[in-house]
């Protein structure tokens, strides 16, 4: 979480970019997706060149990553087709339901 006008520590930004460049699932929750530089993390995950250059917008081939937005309203990521789907609602209600569904699915596989 980043608050407005709060400085982002360099190590946090670097680690966030590294994780975005290698994830296979990204949940984008409760954001307007317009506050940079973190608003660019989902684009980095969606389109990456396979190499990470910290602090730069490195775009390349479309990555094989599933991106799910959980937001009250659509965002630029929804409209640009960056996210694969939008679960519209309050994150405080939706995320616990997702966790419960995953727990149920895990138990059924066991």
N, C-alpha and C. Protein backbone atom coordinates (compact mmCIF):
# COMPACT_ATOMS: atom_id res chain seq x y z
N UNK A 1 0.85 -1.17 0.00
CA UNK A 1 0.00 0.00 0.00
C UNK A 1 0.90 1.23 0.00
N UNK A 2 0.53 2.18 -0.82
CA UNK A 2 1.26 3.44 -0.89
C UNK A 2 0.25 4.57 -0.72
N UNK A 3 0.52 5.46 0.20
CA UNK A 3 -0.35 6.61 0.42
C UNK A 3 0.12 7.76 -0.46
N UNK A 4 -0.78 8.67 -0.79
CA UNK A 4 -0.43 9.82 -1.60
C UNK A 4 0.69 10.61 -0.94
N UNK A 5 1.61 11.06 -1.77
CA UNK A 5 2.77 11.87 -1.36
C UNK A 5 3.72 11.12 -0.43
N UNK A 6 3.57 9.82 -0.31
CA UNK A 6 4.48 9.02 0.50
C UNK A 6 5.62 8.55 -0.39
N UNK A 7 6.86 8.76 0.02
CA UNK A 7 7.98 8.29 -0.80
C UNK A 7 8.05 6.76 -0.78
N UNK A 8 8.42 6.20 -1.91
CA UNK A 8 8.55 4.75 -2.02
C UNK A 8 10.03 4.40 -1.86
N UNK A 9 10.36 3.60 -0.86
CA UNK A 9 11.76 3.20 -0.71
C UNK A 9 12.24 2.45 -1.97
N UNK A 10 13.45 2.73 -2.38
CA UNK A 10 13.99 2.14 -3.60
C UNK A 10 13.97 0.62 -3.56
N UNK A 11 14.32 0.02 -2.43
CA UNK A 11 14.33 -1.44 -2.34
C UNK A 11 12.93 -2.03 -2.51
N UNK A 12 11.91 -1.33 -2.04
CA UNK A 12 10.52 -1.78 -2.20
C UNK A 12 10.13 -1.72 -3.67
N UNK A 13 10.49 -0.64 -4.35
CA UNK A 13 10.17 -0.51 -5.76
C UNK A 13 10.88 -1.58 -6.58
N UNK A 14 12.16 -1.80 -6.30
CA UNK A 14 12.91 -2.82 -7.05
C UNK A 14 12.33 -4.21 -6.85
N UNK A 15 12.00 -4.55 -5.61
CA UNK A 15 11.42 -5.87 -5.34
C UNK A 15 10.05 -6.01 -5.98
N UNK A 16 9.26 -4.96 -5.98
CA UNK A 16 7.94 -4.99 -6.61
C UNK A 16 8.05 -5.20 -8.11
N UNK A 17 8.98 -4.53 -8.75
CA UNK A 17 9.20 -4.70 -10.19
C UNK A 17 9.68 -6.11 -10.50
N UNK A 18 10.56 -6.63 -9.67
CA UNK A 18 11.08 -7.99 -9.87
C UNK A 18 9.95 -9.00 -9.79
N UNK A 19 9.11 -8.88 -8.77
CA UNK A 19 8.00 -9.82 -8.61
C UNK A 19 6.98 -9.67 -9.74
N UNK A 20 6.70 -8.46 -10.16
CA UNK A 20 5.75 -8.24 -11.26
C UNK A 20 6.26 -8.86 -12.55
N UNK A 21 7.55 -8.83 -12.76
CA UNK A 21 8.10 -9.36 -14.01
C UNK A 21 8.12 -10.87 -14.06
N UNK A 22 7.92 -11.53 -12.91
CA UNK A 22 8.00 -12.99 -12.92
C UNK A 22 6.74 -13.69 -12.41
N UNK A 23 5.70 -12.94 -12.09
CA UNK A 23 4.50 -13.58 -11.54
C UNK A 23 3.72 -14.30 -12.64
N UNK A 24 2.90 -15.27 -12.24
CA UNK A 24 2.00 -15.92 -13.18
C UNK A 24 0.54 -15.62 -12.87
N UNK A 25 0.30 -14.98 -11.72
CA UNK A 25 -1.03 -14.50 -11.35
C UNK A 25 -0.86 -13.20 -10.59
N UNK A 26 -1.62 -12.19 -10.97
CA UNK A 26 -1.58 -10.92 -10.26
C UNK A 26 -3.00 -10.51 -9.91
N UNK A 27 -3.20 -10.26 -8.63
CA UNK A 27 -4.46 -9.68 -8.16
C UNK A 27 -4.25 -8.18 -8.02
N UNK A 28 -5.10 -7.42 -8.65
CA UNK A 28 -5.03 -5.96 -8.62
C UNK A 28 -6.25 -5.50 -7.83
N UNK A 29 -6.02 -5.08 -6.61
CA UNK A 29 -7.15 -4.90 -5.68
C UNK A 29 -7.24 -3.48 -5.15
N UNK A 30 -8.44 -2.92 -5.24
CA UNK A 30 -8.74 -1.65 -4.60
C UNK A 30 -7.88 -0.49 -5.04
N UNK A 31 -7.70 -0.33 -6.31
CA UNK A 31 -6.85 0.74 -6.82
C UNK A 31 -7.51 1.46 -7.98
N UNK A 32 -7.13 2.70 -8.16
CA UNK A 32 -7.58 3.45 -9.33
C UNK A 32 -6.69 3.14 -10.53
N UNK A 33 -5.51 2.60 -10.26
CA UNK A 33 -4.52 2.25 -11.30
C UNK A 33 -4.05 3.47 -12.08
N UNK A 34 -4.02 4.62 -11.41
CA UNK A 34 -3.55 5.83 -12.08
C UNK A 34 -2.44 6.54 -11.30
N UNK A 35 -2.04 5.99 -10.16
CA UNK A 35 -0.99 6.62 -9.35
C UNK A 35 0.32 5.88 -9.64
N UNK A 36 1.26 6.61 -10.23
CA UNK A 36 2.54 6.02 -10.63
C UNK A 36 3.60 6.30 -9.59
N UNK A 37 4.59 5.42 -9.47
CA UNK A 37 5.00 4.41 -10.43
C UNK A 37 4.33 3.05 -10.25
N UNK A 38 3.66 2.80 -9.13
CA UNK A 38 3.09 1.47 -8.92
C UNK A 38 1.97 1.14 -9.90
N UNK A 39 1.31 2.11 -10.47
CA UNK A 39 0.28 1.83 -11.45
C UNK A 39 0.84 1.12 -12.68
N UNK A 40 2.14 1.19 -12.85
CA UNK A 40 2.76 0.55 -14.01
C UNK A 40 3.12 -0.92 -13.76
N UNK A 41 3.04 -1.38 -12.54
CA UNK A 41 3.43 -2.76 -12.24
C UNK A 41 2.61 -3.79 -13.01
N UNK A 42 1.32 -3.56 -13.13
CA UNK A 42 0.49 -4.52 -13.87
C UNK A 42 0.82 -4.53 -15.36
N UNK A 43 1.18 -3.39 -15.90
CA UNK A 43 1.61 -3.35 -17.31
C UNK A 43 2.94 -4.08 -17.47
N UNK A 44 3.82 -3.94 -16.49
CA UNK A 44 5.10 -4.66 -16.52
C UNK A 44 4.86 -6.16 -16.51
N UNK A 45 3.89 -6.59 -15.70
CA UNK A 45 3.59 -8.02 -15.64
C UNK A 45 2.98 -8.52 -16.94
N UNK A 46 2.10 -7.72 -17.53
CA UNK A 46 1.41 -8.13 -18.76
C UNK A 46 2.35 -8.18 -19.97
N UNK A 47 3.19 -7.17 -20.09
CA UNK A 47 4.11 -7.09 -21.23
C UNK A 47 5.52 -6.94 -20.70
N UNK A 48 6.28 -7.97 -20.80
CA UNK A 48 7.66 -7.84 -20.37
C UNK A 48 8.58 -8.53 -21.36
N UNK A 49 9.80 -8.09 -21.36
CA UNK A 49 10.76 -8.58 -22.33
C UNK A 49 11.56 -9.76 -21.79
N UNK A 50 11.26 -10.18 -20.56
CA UNK A 50 12.03 -11.25 -19.96
C UNK A 50 13.26 -10.76 -19.24
N UNK A 51 13.49 -9.46 -19.29
CA UNK A 51 14.62 -8.89 -18.55
C UNK A 51 14.09 -7.71 -17.77
N UNK A 52 14.67 -7.50 -16.63
CA UNK A 52 14.21 -6.45 -15.74
C UNK A 52 15.21 -5.31 -15.74
N UNK A 53 14.72 -4.12 -16.01
CA UNK A 53 15.53 -2.92 -15.91
C UNK A 53 14.81 -2.03 -14.92
N UNK A 54 15.32 -1.96 -13.71
CA UNK A 54 14.65 -1.25 -12.64
C UNK A 54 14.40 0.20 -13.00
N UNK A 55 13.16 0.64 -12.75
CA UNK A 55 12.80 2.04 -12.95
C UNK A 55 12.44 2.40 -14.37
N UNK A 56 12.58 1.47 -15.30
CA UNK A 56 12.25 1.77 -16.69
C UNK A 56 11.01 1.00 -17.12
N UNK A 57 10.30 1.55 -18.06
CA UNK A 57 9.12 0.92 -18.61
C UNK A 57 9.58 0.01 -19.75
N UNK A 58 9.89 -1.24 -19.43
CA UNK A 58 10.41 -2.18 -20.42
C UNK A 58 9.24 -3.01 -20.92
N UNK A 59 8.89 -2.83 -22.17
CA UNK A 59 7.79 -3.57 -22.75
C UNK A 59 8.33 -4.53 -23.80
N UNK A 60 7.71 -5.66 -23.91
CA UNK A 60 8.13 -6.65 -24.89
C UNK A 60 6.95 -7.51 -25.25
N UNK A 61 7.18 -8.82 -25.25
CA UNK A 61 6.11 -9.74 -25.63
C UNK A 61 5.08 -9.87 -24.52
N UNK A 62 3.89 -10.29 -24.90
CA UNK A 62 2.83 -10.46 -23.92
C UNK A 62 3.16 -11.66 -23.05
N UNK A 63 3.17 -11.46 -21.76
CA UNK A 63 3.53 -12.52 -20.82
C UNK A 63 2.33 -13.42 -20.55
N UNK A 64 2.62 -14.65 -20.19
CA UNK A 64 1.58 -15.61 -19.84
C UNK A 64 1.25 -15.46 -18.36
N UNK A 65 0.53 -14.42 -18.05
CA UNK A 65 0.15 -14.12 -16.67
C UNK A 65 -1.35 -13.85 -16.63
N UNK A 66 -2.03 -14.37 -15.62
CA UNK A 66 -3.45 -14.08 -15.43
C UNK A 66 -3.55 -12.89 -14.49
N UNK A 67 -4.37 -11.93 -14.88
CA UNK A 67 -4.52 -10.71 -14.10
C UNK A 67 -5.99 -10.50 -13.76
N UNK A 68 -6.26 -10.45 -12.47
CA UNK A 68 -7.63 -10.32 -11.98
C UNK A 68 -7.74 -9.03 -11.18
N UNK A 69 -8.65 -8.18 -11.60
CA UNK A 69 -8.92 -6.95 -10.87
C UNK A 69 -10.07 -7.18 -9.90
N UNK A 70 -9.91 -6.70 -8.68
CA UNK A 70 -10.98 -6.67 -7.70
C UNK A 70 -11.12 -5.21 -7.31
N UNK A 71 -12.13 -4.56 -7.85
CA UNK A 71 -12.32 -3.12 -7.65
C UNK A 71 -13.79 -2.77 -7.67
N UNK A 72 -14.11 -1.68 -7.02
CA UNK A 72 -15.48 -1.19 -7.02
C UNK A 72 -15.90 -0.74 -8.42
N UNK A 73 -14.95 -0.21 -9.17
CA UNK A 73 -15.23 0.31 -10.51
C UNK A 73 -14.14 -0.13 -11.47
N UNK A 74 -14.46 -0.17 -12.77
CA UNK A 74 -13.43 -0.44 -13.76
C UNK A 74 -12.32 0.61 -13.70
N UNK A 75 -11.13 0.23 -14.12
CA UNK A 75 -9.97 1.12 -14.12
C UNK A 75 -9.43 1.21 -15.55
N UNK A 76 -8.40 2.02 -15.76
CA UNK A 76 -7.75 2.02 -17.07
C UNK A 76 -7.25 0.62 -17.46
N UNK A 77 -6.88 -0.19 -16.48
CA UNK A 77 -6.42 -1.56 -16.78
C UNK A 77 -7.55 -2.39 -17.36
N UNK A 78 -8.76 -2.15 -16.91
CA UNK A 78 -9.93 -2.83 -17.46
C UNK A 78 -10.15 -2.39 -18.90
N UNK A 79 -10.15 -1.08 -19.11
CA UNK A 79 -10.46 -0.51 -20.42
C UNK A 79 -9.37 -0.80 -21.45
N UNK A 80 -8.11 -0.90 -21.01
CA UNK A 80 -7.00 -1.18 -21.92
C UNK A 80 -6.82 -2.67 -22.20
N UNK A 81 -7.59 -3.51 -21.53
CA UNK A 81 -7.44 -4.95 -21.72
C UNK A 81 -6.21 -5.53 -21.04
N UNK A 82 -5.65 -4.80 -20.08
CA UNK A 82 -4.49 -5.31 -19.34
C UNK A 82 -4.93 -6.45 -18.43
N UNK A 83 -6.03 -6.25 -17.71
CA UNK A 83 -6.53 -7.31 -16.83
C UNK A 83 -7.37 -8.29 -17.63
N UNK A 84 -7.39 -9.54 -17.15
CA UNK A 84 -8.18 -10.57 -17.81
C UNK A 84 -9.64 -10.52 -17.39
N UNK A 85 -9.87 -10.11 -16.16
CA UNK A 85 -11.26 -9.99 -15.72
C UNK A 85 -11.35 -9.01 -14.56
N UNK A 86 -12.55 -8.50 -14.38
CA UNK A 86 -12.86 -7.59 -13.29
C UNK A 86 -13.92 -8.23 -12.43
N UNK A 87 -13.61 -8.39 -11.15
CA UNK A 87 -14.61 -8.79 -10.17
C UNK A 87 -15.00 -7.49 -9.48
N UNK A 88 -16.19 -7.03 -9.81
CA UNK A 88 -16.60 -5.71 -9.34
C UNK A 88 -17.26 -5.81 -7.97
N UNK A 89 -16.69 -5.08 -7.02
CA UNK A 89 -17.22 -5.05 -5.67
C UNK A 89 -16.17 -4.52 -4.71
N UNK A 90 -16.49 -4.58 -3.44
CA UNK A 90 -15.58 -4.09 -2.40
C UNK A 90 -14.55 -5.17 -2.08
N UNK A 91 -13.29 -4.79 -2.04
CA UNK A 91 -12.23 -5.77 -1.79
C UNK A 91 -12.42 -6.47 -0.44
N UNK A 92 -12.91 -5.75 0.55
CA UNK A 92 -13.12 -6.35 1.87
C UNK A 92 -14.17 -7.44 1.87
N UNK A 93 -15.02 -7.45 0.87
CA UNK A 93 -16.03 -8.50 0.73
C UNK A 93 -15.59 -9.59 -0.24
N UNK A 94 -14.97 -9.17 -1.34
CA UNK A 94 -14.61 -10.11 -2.40
C UNK A 94 -13.41 -10.98 -2.02
N UNK A 95 -12.35 -10.39 -1.49
CA UNK A 95 -11.14 -11.17 -1.20
C UNK A 95 -11.38 -12.31 -0.21
N UNK A 96 -12.12 -12.12 0.88
CA UNK A 96 -12.39 -13.27 1.75
C UNK A 96 -13.17 -14.39 1.04
N UNK A 97 -14.03 -14.02 0.11
CA UNK A 97 -14.77 -15.05 -0.65
C UNK A 97 -13.82 -15.83 -1.56
N UNK A 98 -12.87 -15.13 -2.17
CA UNK A 98 -11.88 -15.82 -3.02
C UNK A 98 -11.06 -16.79 -2.18
N UNK A 99 -10.61 -16.33 -1.02
CA UNK A 99 -9.81 -17.19 -0.13
C UNK A 99 -10.61 -18.44 0.26
N UNK A 100 -11.87 -18.26 0.60
CA UNK A 100 -12.70 -19.39 0.99
C UNK A 100 -12.89 -20.38 -0.17
N UNK A 101 -13.10 -19.86 -1.37
CA UNK A 101 -13.23 -20.73 -2.55
C UNK A 101 -11.95 -21.52 -2.78
N UNK A 102 -10.80 -20.88 -2.61
CA UNK A 102 -9.53 -21.57 -2.78
C UNK A 102 -9.34 -22.65 -1.73
N UNK A 103 -9.70 -22.35 -0.50
CA UNK A 103 -9.62 -23.36 0.57
C UNK A 103 -10.51 -24.56 0.26
N UNK A 104 -11.73 -24.29 -0.19
CA UNK A 104 -12.66 -25.37 -0.54
C UNK A 104 -12.10 -26.21 -1.68
N UNK A 105 -11.57 -25.56 -2.70
CA UNK A 105 -11.00 -26.28 -3.84
C UNK A 105 -9.81 -27.14 -3.42
N UNK A 106 -8.98 -26.60 -2.54
CA UNK A 106 -7.81 -27.35 -2.05
C UNK A 106 -8.26 -28.59 -1.29
N UNK A 107 -9.28 -28.47 -0.44
CA UNK A 107 -9.78 -29.60 0.32
C UNK A 107 -10.35 -30.66 -0.60
N UNK A 108 -11.03 -30.26 -1.66
CA UNK A 108 -11.63 -31.21 -2.60
C UNK A 108 -10.56 -31.98 -3.36
N UNK A 109 -9.41 -31.36 -3.59
CA UNK A 109 -8.31 -32.05 -4.30
C UNK A 109 -7.56 -33.01 -3.39
N UNK A 110 -7.65 -32.80 -2.09
CA UNK A 110 -6.89 -33.64 -1.14
C UNK A 110 -7.53 -34.97 -0.92
